[in-house]
PDB file of N, CA and C in Angstrom:
ATOM      1  N   UNK A   1     104.962 103.836 169.649  1.00  0.00           N
ATOM      2  CA  UNK A   1     103.622 103.512 169.229  1.00  0.00           C
ATOM      3  C   UNK A   1     103.466 103.851 167.738  1.00  0.00           C
ATOM      4  N   UNK A   2     102.749 103.056 167.021  1.00  0.00           N
ATOM      5  CA  UNK A   2     102.549 103.238 165.586  1.00  0.00           C
ATOM      6  C   UNK A   2     101.411 104.216 165.338  1.00  0.00           C
ATOM      7  N   UNK A   3     101.628 105.114 164.386  1.00  0.00           N
ATOM      8  CA  UNK A   3     100.585 106.050 164.008  1.00  0.00           C
ATOM      9  C   UNK A   3      99.760 105.406 162.904  1.00  0.00           C
ATOM     10  N   UNK A   4      98.438 105.387 163.066  1.00  0.00           N
ATOM     11  CA  UNK A   4      97.545 104.770 162.091  1.00  0.00           C
ATOM     12  C   UNK A   4      96.964 105.858 161.192  1.00  0.00           C
ATOM     13  N   UNK A   5      97.212 105.759 159.908  1.00  0.00           N
ATOM     14  CA  UNK A   5      96.646 106.677 158.921  1.00  0.00           C
ATOM     15  C   UNK A   5      95.904 105.852 157.883  1.00  0.00           C
ATOM     16  N   UNK A   6      94.630 106.153 157.700  1.00  0.00           N
ATOM     17  CA  UNK A   6      93.897 105.419 156.676  1.00  0.00           C
ATOM     18  C   UNK A   6      93.809 106.266 155.410  1.00  0.00           C
ATOM     19  N   UNK A   7      93.618 105.616 154.305  1.00  0.00           N
ATOM     20  CA  UNK A   7      93.485 106.299 153.027  1.00  0.00           C
ATOM     21  C   UNK A   7      92.109 106.950 152.961  1.00  0.00           C
ATOM     22  N   UNK A   8      92.030 108.251 152.648  1.00  0.00           N
ATOM     23  CA  UNK A   8      90.720 108.895 152.515  1.00  0.00           C
ATOM     24  C   UNK A   8      89.878 108.181 151.459  1.00  0.00           C
ATOM     25  N   UNK A   9      88.591 108.027 151.718  1.00  0.00           N
ATOM     26  CA  UNK A   9      87.734 107.281 150.795  1.00  0.00           C
ATOM     27  C   UNK A   9      87.549 107.992 149.459  1.00  0.00           C
ATOM     28  N   UNK A  10      87.736 109.295 149.416  1.00  0.00           N
ATOM     29  CA  UNK A  10      87.562 110.023 148.160  1.00  0.00           C
ATOM     30  C   UNK A  10      88.892 110.317 147.463  1.00  0.00           C
ATOM     31  N   UNK A  11      89.959 109.628 147.887  1.00  0.00           N
ATOM     32  CA  UNK A  11      91.291 109.890 147.335  1.00  0.00           C
ATOM     33  C   UNK A  11      91.496 109.214 145.983  1.00  0.00           C
ATOM     34  N   UNK A  12      92.260 109.882 145.146  1.00  0.00           N
ATOM     35  CA  UNK A  12      92.720 109.307 143.886  1.00  0.00           C
ATOM     36  C   UNK A  12      94.016 108.566 144.201  1.00  0.00           C
ATOM     37  N   UNK A  13      94.103 107.307 143.786  1.00  0.00           N
ATOM     38  CA  UNK A  13      95.292 106.498 144.035  1.00  0.00           C
ATOM     39  C   UNK A  13      96.187 106.525 142.797  1.00  0.00           C
ATOM     40  N   UNK A  14      97.475 106.767 143.028  1.00  0.00           N
ATOM     41  CA  UNK A  14      98.434 106.857 141.934  1.00  0.00           C
ATOM     42  C   UNK A  14      99.580 105.890 142.225  1.00  0.00           C
ATOM     43  N   UNK A  15      99.812 104.955 141.312  1.00  0.00           N
ATOM     44  CA  UNK A  15     100.917 104.002 141.432  1.00  0.00           C
ATOM     45  C   UNK A  15     101.955 104.361 140.372  1.00  0.00           C
ATOM     46  N   UNK A  16     103.224 104.467 140.795  1.00  0.00           N
ATOM     47  CA  UNK A  16     104.279 104.858 139.870  1.00  0.00           C
ATOM     48  C   UNK A  16     105.386 103.811 139.891  1.00  0.00           C
ATOM     49  N   UNK A  17     105.659 103.251 138.713  1.00  0.00           N
ATOM     50  CA  UNK A  17     106.750 102.300 138.526  1.00  0.00           C
ATOM     51  C   UNK A  17     107.933 103.085 137.969  1.00  0.00           C
ATOM     52  N   UNK A  18     108.989 103.181 138.744  1.00  0.00           N
ATOM     53  CA  UNK A  18     110.123 104.032 138.407  1.00  0.00           C
ATOM     54  C   UNK A  18     111.188 103.276 137.609  1.00  0.00           C
ATOM     55  N   UNK A  19     111.827 104.002 136.713  1.00  0.00           N
ATOM     56  CA  UNK A  19     113.046 103.533 136.066  1.00  0.00           C
ATOM     57  C   UNK A  19     113.909 104.763 135.785  1.00  0.00           C
ATOM     58  N   UNK A  20     115.054 104.576 135.209  1.00  0.00           N
ATOM     59  CA  UNK A  20     115.994 105.682 135.049  1.00  0.00           C
ATOM     60  C   UNK A  20     115.472 106.774 134.116  1.00  0.00           C
ATOM     61  N   UNK A  21     114.882 106.395 133.000  1.00  0.00           N
ATOM     62  CA  UNK A  21     114.515 107.378 131.989  1.00  0.00           C
ATOM     63  C   UNK A  21     113.026 107.659 131.871  1.00  0.00           C
ATOM     64  N   UNK A  22     112.191 106.762 132.362  1.00  0.00           N
ATOM     65  CA  UNK A  22     110.748 106.990 132.264  1.00  0.00           C
ATOM     66  C   UNK A  22     110.023 106.297 133.406  1.00  0.00           C
ATOM     67  N   UNK A  23     108.826 106.778 133.682  1.00  0.00           N
ATOM     68  CA  UNK A  23     107.999 106.218 134.732  1.00  0.00           C
ATOM     69  C   UNK A  23     106.639 105.849 134.147  1.00  0.00           C
ATOM     70  N   UNK A  24     106.134 104.712 134.573  1.00  0.00           N
ATOM     71  CA  UNK A  24     104.792 104.292 134.182  1.00  0.00           C
ATOM     72  C   UNK A  24     103.868 104.641 135.343  1.00  0.00           C
ATOM     73  N   UNK A  25     102.807 105.391 135.055  1.00  0.00           N
ATOM     74  CA  UNK A  25     101.902 105.894 136.083  1.00  0.00           C
ATOM     75  C   UNK A  25     100.523 105.305 135.855  1.00  0.00           C
ATOM     76  N   UNK A  26      99.898 104.820 136.928  1.00  0.00           N
ATOM     77  CA  UNK A  26      98.542 104.294 136.873  1.00  0.00           C
ATOM     78  C   UNK A  26      97.702 105.103 137.855  1.00  0.00           C
ATOM     79  N   UNK A  27      96.610 105.690 137.370  1.00  0.00           N
ATOM     80  CA  UNK A  27      95.755 106.557 138.179  1.00  0.00           C
ATOM     81  C   UNK A  27      94.383 105.907 138.310  1.00  0.00           C
ATOM     82  N   UNK A  28      93.942 105.735 139.561  1.00  0.00           N
ATOM     83  CA  UNK A  28      92.634 105.127 139.821  1.00  0.00           C
ATOM     84  C   UNK A  28      91.775 106.096 140.624  1.00  0.00           C
ATOM     85  N   UNK A  29      90.633 106.464 140.053  1.00  0.00           N
ATOM     86  CA  UNK A  29      89.702 107.373 140.727  1.00  0.00           C
ATOM     87  C   UNK A  29      88.850 106.586 141.720  1.00  0.00           C
ATOM     88  N   UNK A  30      88.371 107.217 142.784  1.00  0.00           N
ATOM     89  CA  UNK A  30      87.633 106.494 143.824  1.00  0.00           C
ATOM     90  C   UNK A  30      86.290 105.940 143.357  1.00  0.00           C
ATOM     91  N   UNK A  31      85.687 106.533 142.355  1.00  0.00           N
ATOM     92  CA  UNK A  31      84.391 106.026 141.884  1.00  0.00           C
ATOM     93  C   UNK A  31      84.527 104.798 140.997  1.00  0.00           C
ATOM     94  N   UNK A  32      85.763 104.386 140.751  1.00  0.00           N
ATOM     95  CA  UNK A  32      86.001 103.180 139.957  1.00  0.00           C
ATOM     96  C   UNK A  32      86.023 103.507 138.476  1.00  0.00           C
ATOM     97  N   UNK A  33      85.670 102.515 137.697  1.00  0.00           N
ATOM     98  CA  UNK A  33      85.724 102.707 136.251  1.00  0.00           C
ATOM     99  C   UNK A  33      87.100 102.380 135.717  1.00  0.00           C
ATOM    100  N   UNK A  34      87.379 102.926 134.575  1.00  0.00           N
ATOM    101  CA  UNK A  34      88.650 102.669 133.902  1.00  0.00           C
ATOM    102  C   UNK A  34      89.808 103.402 134.549  1.00  0.00           C
ATOM    103  N   UNK A  35      90.903 102.707 134.750  1.00  0.00           N
ATOM    104  CA  UNK A  35      92.112 103.339 135.269  1.00  0.00           C
ATOM    105  C   UNK A  35      92.823 104.063 134.138  1.00  0.00           C
ATOM    106  N   UNK A  36      93.477 105.149 134.468  1.00  0.00           N
ATOM    107  CA  UNK A  36      94.216 105.909 133.465  1.00  0.00           C
ATOM    108  C   UNK A  36      95.689 105.559 133.558  1.00  0.00           C
ATOM    109  N   UNK A  37      96.296 105.327 132.425  1.00  0.00           N
ATOM    110  CA  UNK A  37      97.715 104.988 132.364  1.00  0.00           C
ATOM    111  C   UNK A  37      98.461 106.095 131.641  1.00  0.00           C
ATOM    112  N   UNK A  38      99.618 106.476 132.187  1.00  0.00           N
ATOM    113  CA  UNK A  38     100.446 107.515 131.576  1.00  0.00           C
ATOM    114  C   UNK A  38     101.893 107.060 131.592  1.00  0.00           C
ATOM    115  N   UNK A  39     102.644 107.487 130.606  1.00  0.00           N
ATOM    116  CA  UNK A  39     104.093 107.335 130.624  1.00  0.00           C
ATOM    117  C   UNK A  39     104.680 108.717 130.798  1.00  0.00           C
ATOM    118  N   UNK A  40     105.537 108.861 131.799  1.00  0.00           N
ATOM    119  CA  UNK A  40     106.161 110.144 132.107  1.00  0.00           C
ATOM    120  C   UNK A  40     107.662 109.986 131.905  1.00  0.00           C
ATOM    121  N   UNK A  41     108.225 110.801 131.025  1.00  0.00           N
ATOM    122  CA  UNK A  41     109.669 110.805 130.801  1.00  0.00           C
ATOM    123  C   UNK A  41     110.316 111.583 131.953  1.00  0.00           C
ATOM    124  N   UNK A  42     111.507 111.191 132.346  1.00  0.00           N
ATOM    125  CA  UNK A  42     112.191 111.806 133.489  1.00  0.00           C
ATOM    126  C   UNK A  42     112.739 113.182 133.119  1.00  0.00           C
ATOM    127  N   UNK A  43     111.829 114.127 132.853  1.00  0.00           N
ATOM    128  CA  UNK A  43     112.205 115.506 132.550  1.00  0.00           C
ATOM    129  C   UNK A  43     111.351 116.447 133.394  1.00  0.00           C
ATOM    130  N   UNK A  44     111.825 117.653 133.601  1.00  0.00           N
ATOM    131  CA  UNK A  44     111.076 118.631 134.379  1.00  0.00           C
ATOM    132  C   UNK A  44     109.715 118.896 133.742  1.00  0.00           C
ATOM    133  N   UNK A  45     109.675 119.021 132.430  1.00  0.00           N
ATOM    134  CA  UNK A  45     108.420 119.283 131.728  1.00  0.00           C
ATOM    135  C   UNK A  45     107.376 118.208 131.963  1.00  0.00           C
ATOM    136  N   UNK A  46     107.766 116.958 131.870  1.00  0.00           N
ATOM    137  CA  UNK A  46     106.818 115.864 132.100  1.00  0.00           C
ATOM    138  C   UNK A  46     106.416 115.773 133.566  1.00  0.00           C
ATOM    139  N   UNK A  47     107.358 116.017 134.485  1.00  0.00           N
ATOM    140  CA  UNK A  47     107.011 116.017 135.909  1.00  0.00           C
ATOM    141  C   UNK A  47     106.012 117.133 136.210  1.00  0.00           C
ATOM    142  N   UNK A  48     106.220 118.312 135.613  1.00  0.00           N
ATOM    143  CA  UNK A  48     105.275 119.418 135.793  1.00  0.00           C
ATOM    144  C   UNK A  48     103.901 119.050 135.237  1.00  0.00           C
ATOM    145  N   UNK A  49     103.883 118.393 134.085  1.00  0.00           N
ATOM    146  CA  UNK A  49     102.612 117.962 133.471  1.00  0.00           C
ATOM    147  C   UNK A  49     101.871 116.987 134.375  1.00  0.00           C
ATOM    148  N   UNK A  50     102.597 116.056 134.999  1.00  0.00           N
ATOM    149  CA  UNK A  50     101.972 115.098 135.906  1.00  0.00           C
ATOM    150  C   UNK A  50     101.400 115.811 137.127  1.00  0.00           C
ATOM    151  N   UNK A  51     102.153 116.741 137.708  1.00  0.00           N
ATOM    152  CA  UNK A  51     101.660 117.490 138.870  1.00  0.00           C
ATOM    153  C   UNK A  51     100.399 118.272 138.504  1.00  0.00           C
ATOM    154  N   UNK A  52     100.396 118.931 137.353  1.00  0.00           N
ATOM    155  CA  UNK A  52      99.220 119.680 136.908  1.00  0.00           C
ATOM    156  C   UNK A  52      98.020 118.768 136.721  1.00  0.00           C
ATOM    157  N   UNK A  53      98.247 117.605 136.122  1.00  0.00           N
ATOM    158  CA  UNK A  53      97.165 116.630 135.897  1.00  0.00           C
ATOM    159  C   UNK A  53      96.559 116.177 137.225  1.00  0.00           C
ATOM    160  N   UNK A  54      97.406 115.855 138.191  1.00  0.00           N
ATOM    161  CA  UNK A  54      96.911 115.389 139.485  1.00  0.00           C
ATOM    162  C   UNK A  54      96.226 116.515 140.251  1.00  0.00           C
ATOM    163  N   UNK A  55      96.789 117.718 140.215  1.00  0.00           N
ATOM    164  CA  UNK A  55      96.200 118.855 140.921  1.00  0.00           C
ATOM    165  C   UNK A  55      94.831 119.215 140.347  1.00  0.00           C
ATOM    166  N   UNK A  56      94.631 119.015 139.050  1.00  0.00           N
ATOM    167  CA  UNK A  56      93.363 119.370 138.411  1.00  0.00           C
ATOM    168  C   UNK A  56      92.211 118.455 138.838  1.00  0.00           C
ATOM    169  N   UNK A  57      92.520 117.336 139.472  1.00  0.00           N
ATOM    170  CA  UNK A  57      91.469 116.414 139.899  1.00  0.00           C
ATOM    171  C   UNK A  57      90.696 116.931 141.104  1.00  0.00           C
ATOM    172  N   UNK A  58      91.280 117.848 141.859  1.00  0.00           N
ATOM    173  CA  UNK A  58      90.567 118.469 142.964  1.00  0.00           C
ATOM    174  C   UNK A  58      90.195 117.533 144.103  1.00  0.00           C
ATOM    175  N   UNK A  59      90.948 116.497 144.279  1.00  0.00           N
ATOM    176  CA  UNK A  59      90.717 115.510 145.349  1.00  0.00           C
ATOM    177  C   UNK A  59      92.032 115.206 146.025  1.00  0.00           C
ATOM    178  N   UNK A  60      91.965 114.563 147.201  1.00  0.00           N
ATOM    179  CA  UNK A  60      93.225 114.117 147.811  1.00  0.00           C
ATOM    180  C   UNK A  60      93.905 113.101 146.893  1.00  0.00           C
ATOM    181  N   UNK A  61      95.213 113.177 146.813  1.00  0.00           N
ATOM    182  CA  UNK A  61      96.006 112.280 145.966  1.00  0.00           C
ATOM    183  C   UNK A  61      96.923 111.475 146.874  1.00  0.00           C
ATOM    184  N   UNK A  62      96.891 110.150 146.739  1.00  0.00           N
ATOM    185  CA  UNK A  62      97.787 109.272 147.483  1.00  0.00           C
ATOM    186  C   UNK A  62      98.664 108.556 146.463  1.00  0.00           C
ATOM    187  N   UNK A  63      99.992 108.723 146.614  1.00  0.00           N
ATOM    188  CA  UNK A  63     100.947 108.207 145.642  1.00  0.00           C
ATOM    189  C   UNK A  63     101.760 107.081 146.254  1.00  0.00           C
ATOM    190  N   UNK A  64     101.917 106.003 145.498  1.00  0.00           N
ATOM    191  CA  UNK A  64     102.779 104.894 145.900  1.00  0.00           C
ATOM    192  C   UNK A  64     103.839 104.671 144.828  1.00  0.00           C
ATOM    193  N   UNK A  65     105.074 104.433 145.259  1.00  0.00           N
ATOM    194  CA  UNK A  65     106.186 104.235 144.335  1.00  0.00           C
ATOM    195  C   UNK A  65     106.692 102.806 144.382  1.00  0.00           C
ATOM    196  N   UNK A  66     107.093 102.294 143.238  1.00  0.00           N
ATOM    197  CA  UNK A  66     107.904 101.086 143.162  1.00  0.00           C
ATOM    198  C   UNK A  66     109.275 101.641 142.813  1.00  0.00           C
ATOM    199  N   UNK A  67     110.019 101.951 143.849  1.00  0.00           N
ATOM    200  CA  UNK A  67     111.286 102.666 143.669  1.00  0.00           C
ATOM    201  C   UNK A  67     112.398 101.721 143.231  1.00  0.00           C
ATOM    202  N   UNK A  68     113.201 102.201 142.287  1.00  0.00           N
ATOM    203  CA  UNK A  68     114.368 101.482 141.810  1.00  0.00           C
ATOM    204  C   UNK A  68     115.579 102.374 142.034  1.00  0.00           C
ATOM    205  N   UNK A  69     116.515 101.924 142.830  1.00  0.00           N
ATOM    206  CA  UNK A  69     117.686 102.749 143.120  1.00  0.00           C
ATOM    207  C   UNK A  69     117.272 104.074 143.731  1.00  0.00           C
ATOM    208  N   UNK A  70     117.842 105.151 143.251  1.00  0.00           N
ATOM    209  CA  UNK A  70     117.496 106.496 143.708  1.00  0.00           C
ATOM    210  C   UNK A  70     116.738 107.289 142.655  1.00  0.00           C
ATOM    211  N   UNK A  71     116.258 106.635 141.618  1.00  0.00           N
ATOM    212  CA  UNK A  71     115.603 107.325 140.518  1.00  0.00           C
ATOM    213  C   UNK A  71     114.316 108.019 140.952  1.00  0.00           C
ATOM    214  N   UNK A  72     113.700 107.561 142.018  1.00  0.00           N
ATOM    215  CA  UNK A  72     112.418 108.104 142.458  1.00  0.00           C
ATOM    216  C   UNK A  72     112.546 109.421 143.217  1.00  0.00           C
ATOM    217  N   UNK A  73     113.724 109.776 143.673  1.00  0.00           N
ATOM    218  CA  UNK A  73     113.886 110.897 144.594  1.00  0.00           C
ATOM    219  C   UNK A  73     113.431 112.236 144.018  1.00  0.00           C
ATOM    220  N   UNK A  74     113.760 112.534 142.775  1.00  0.00           N
ATOM    221  CA  UNK A  74     113.388 113.812 142.172  1.00  0.00           C
ATOM    222  C   UNK A  74     111.876 113.945 142.050  1.00  0.00           C
ATOM    223  N   UNK A  75     111.228 112.919 141.516  1.00  0.00           N
ATOM    224  CA  UNK A  75     109.778 112.964 141.354  1.00  0.00           C
ATOM    225  C   UNK A  75     109.088 112.943 142.717  1.00  0.00           C
ATOM    226  N   UNK A  76     109.573 112.137 143.648  1.00  0.00           N
ATOM    227  CA  UNK A  76     108.973 112.093 144.984  1.00  0.00           C
ATOM    228  C   UNK A  76     109.022 113.465 145.641  1.00  0.00           C
ATOM    229  N   UNK A  77     110.149 114.164 145.511  1.00  0.00           N
ATOM    230  CA  UNK A  77     110.269 115.503 146.086  1.00  0.00           C
ATOM    231  C   UNK A  77     109.285 116.462 145.431  1.00  0.00           C
ATOM    232  N   UNK A  78     109.187 116.415 144.107  1.00  0.00           N
ATOM    233  CA  UNK A  78     108.268 117.302 143.376  1.00  0.00           C
ATOM    234  C   UNK A  78     106.825 117.069 143.813  1.00  0.00           C
ATOM    235  N   UNK A  79     106.410 115.821 143.950  1.00  0.00           N
ATOM    236  CA  UNK A  79     105.047 115.506 144.376  1.00  0.00           C
ATOM    237  C   UNK A  79     104.811 115.919 145.831  1.00  0.00           C
ATOM    238  N   UNK A  80     105.814 115.736 146.688  1.00  0.00           N
ATOM    239  CA  UNK A  80     105.697 116.127 148.087  1.00  0.00           C
ATOM    240  C   UNK A  80     105.523 117.647 148.209  1.00  0.00           C
ATOM    241  N   UNK A  81     106.343 118.409 147.488  1.00  0.00           N
ATOM    242  CA  UNK A  81     106.256 119.863 147.521  1.00  0.00           C
ATOM    243  C   UNK A  81     104.901 120.334 146.995  1.00  0.00           C
ATOM    244  N   UNK A  82     104.341 119.604 146.026  1.00  0.00           N
ATOM    245  CA  UNK A  82     103.021 119.943 145.474  1.00  0.00           C
ATOM    246  C   UNK A  82     101.891 119.616 146.432  1.00  0.00           C
ATOM    247  N   UNK A  83     102.205 118.909 147.533  1.00  0.00           N
ATOM    248  CA  UNK A  83     101.185 118.641 148.552  1.00  0.00           C
ATOM    249  C   UNK A  83     100.518 117.290 148.470  1.00  0.00           C
ATOM    250  N   UNK A  84     101.052 116.387 147.662  1.00  0.00           N
ATOM    251  CA  UNK A  84     100.451 115.060 147.544  1.00  0.00           C
ATOM    252  C   UNK A  84     101.007 114.141 148.612  1.00  0.00           C
ATOM    253  N   UNK A  85     100.185 113.210 149.066  1.00  0.00           N
ATOM    254  CA  UNK A  85     100.541 112.282 150.127  1.00  0.00           C
ATOM    255  C   UNK A  85     101.195 111.045 149.510  1.00  0.00           C
ATOM    256  N   UNK A  86     102.251 110.541 150.152  1.00  0.00           N
ATOM    257  CA  UNK A  86     102.874 109.306 149.650  1.00  0.00           C
ATOM    258  C   UNK A  86     102.967 108.296 150.763  1.00  0.00           C
TER     259      UNK A  86
END
């Protein structure tokens, strides 16, 4: 049987386009308005900065990846450990 999970209505949606050296991140808040765009370099420092930015929003975070090869695995693990939903 399939488990049905809906996206919380107050969740921040995060779309990440992965590549080997950098990731393009698009953040959409539930109240609408302008989406925020970030470029994250594939380094621990930038991954930590992204986690801090998302955690500071104080809302549920739902992350979607456009995964290329295995490049997404490190960032996906970091976001999962931080408690974000993917």
